């Protein structure tokens, strides 16, 4: 999918489901499953409940997304 079609949104992690799988909620109440890529996980990216994150979603399937970064400046 072309990058211009990707929806970027800010959300909050509401649940840690597995090692690289999280449930995220957007400001409008929409919840979706979000994953962390293997490269980011290998770099040590871990998220906790309550952390603000930036996610990318496909406009074709809003139930899944990818976490691309942390928005708050809290230490790991």
Protein backbone atom coordinates (compact mmCIF):
# COMPACT_ATOMS: atom_id res chain seq x y z
CA UNK A 1 0.00 0.00 0.00
CA UNK A 2 1.28 3.44 -0.84
CA UNK A 3 2.43 5.59 2.07
CA UNK A 4 -0.04 8.36 1.26
CA UNK A 5 -2.90 5.97 2.05
CA UNK A 6 -1.73 5.25 5.59
CA UNK A 7 -3.68 6.82 8.46
CA UNK A 8 -1.46 8.06 11.30
CA UNK A 9 -3.17 8.53 14.64
CA UNK A 10 -2.32 9.11 18.27
CA UNK A 11 -3.62 6.65 20.82
CA UNK A 12 -3.14 5.17 24.28
CA UNK A 13 -2.11 1.59 25.03
CA UNK A 14 -4.94 0.04 27.06
CA UNK A 15 -3.73 -3.59 27.17
CA UNK A 16 -0.59 -5.62 26.59
CA UNK A 17 -1.72 -8.89 24.99
CA UNK A 18 1.52 -10.63 24.01
CA UNK A 19 5.16 -9.76 23.61
CA UNK A 20 4.60 -7.62 20.48
CA UNK A 21 0.79 -7.24 20.46
CA UNK A 22 -1.14 -4.42 22.11
CA UNK A 23 -4.68 -3.05 22.25
CA UNK A 24 -4.77 0.69 21.54
CA UNK A 25 -7.58 3.21 21.93
CA UNK A 26 -7.85 6.42 19.94
CA UNK A 27 -9.30 9.68 21.29
CA UNK A 28 -12.63 8.99 19.56
CA UNK A 29 -13.01 5.65 21.40
CA UNK A 30 -12.03 3.38 18.50
CA UNK A 31 -9.99 0.37 19.66
CA UNK A 32 -7.71 -1.81 17.52
CA UNK A 33 -4.95 -4.38 17.76
CA UNK A 34 -1.49 -2.98 17.18
CA UNK A 35 1.80 -4.76 16.71
CA UNK A 36 5.43 -3.77 16.93
CA UNK A 37 7.68 -4.80 14.05
CA UNK A 38 10.43 -7.33 14.74
CA UNK A 39 13.11 -4.73 14.07
CA UNK A 40 11.66 -2.29 16.64
CA UNK A 41 11.15 -5.12 19.15
CA UNK A 42 14.77 -6.20 18.72
CA UNK A 43 15.80 -2.59 19.38
CA UNK A 44 14.07 -2.82 22.75
CA UNK A 45 10.80 -0.97 22.08
CA UNK A 46 8.36 -1.99 24.79
CA UNK A 47 5.12 -0.25 25.63
CA UNK A 48 3.15 -0.18 28.88
CA UNK A 49 -0.50 0.42 29.66
CA UNK A 50 -1.24 4.14 29.65
CA UNK A 51 1.55 5.18 27.28
CA UNK A 52 0.68 7.54 24.44
CA UNK A 53 1.77 6.16 21.07
CA UNK A 54 1.69 6.96 17.37
CA UNK A 55 0.11 4.26 15.20
CA UNK A 56 -0.34 3.65 11.50
CA UNK A 57 -3.58 2.11 10.20
CA UNK A 58 -4.67 1.01 6.76
CA UNK A 59 -7.86 2.69 5.54
CA UNK A 60 -9.03 -0.73 4.32
CA UNK A 61 -8.84 -2.43 7.76
CA UNK A 62 -9.17 -0.19 10.82
CA UNK A 63 -9.09 -3.13 13.25
CA UNK A 64 -5.29 -3.61 12.99
CA UNK A 65 -2.35 -1.26 13.03
CA UNK A 66 1.36 -0.83 13.62
CA UNK A 67 2.97 1.10 16.46
CA UNK A 68 5.61 3.44 15.11
CA UNK A 69 6.62 5.47 18.14
CA UNK A 70 6.13 6.72 21.64
CA UNK A 71 4.70 10.21 22.18
CA UNK A 72 5.42 10.84 25.84
CA UNK A 73 8.94 11.48 26.99
CA UNK A 74 8.82 8.98 29.85
CA UNK A 75 11.85 6.70 30.18
CA UNK A 76 11.58 2.99 29.36
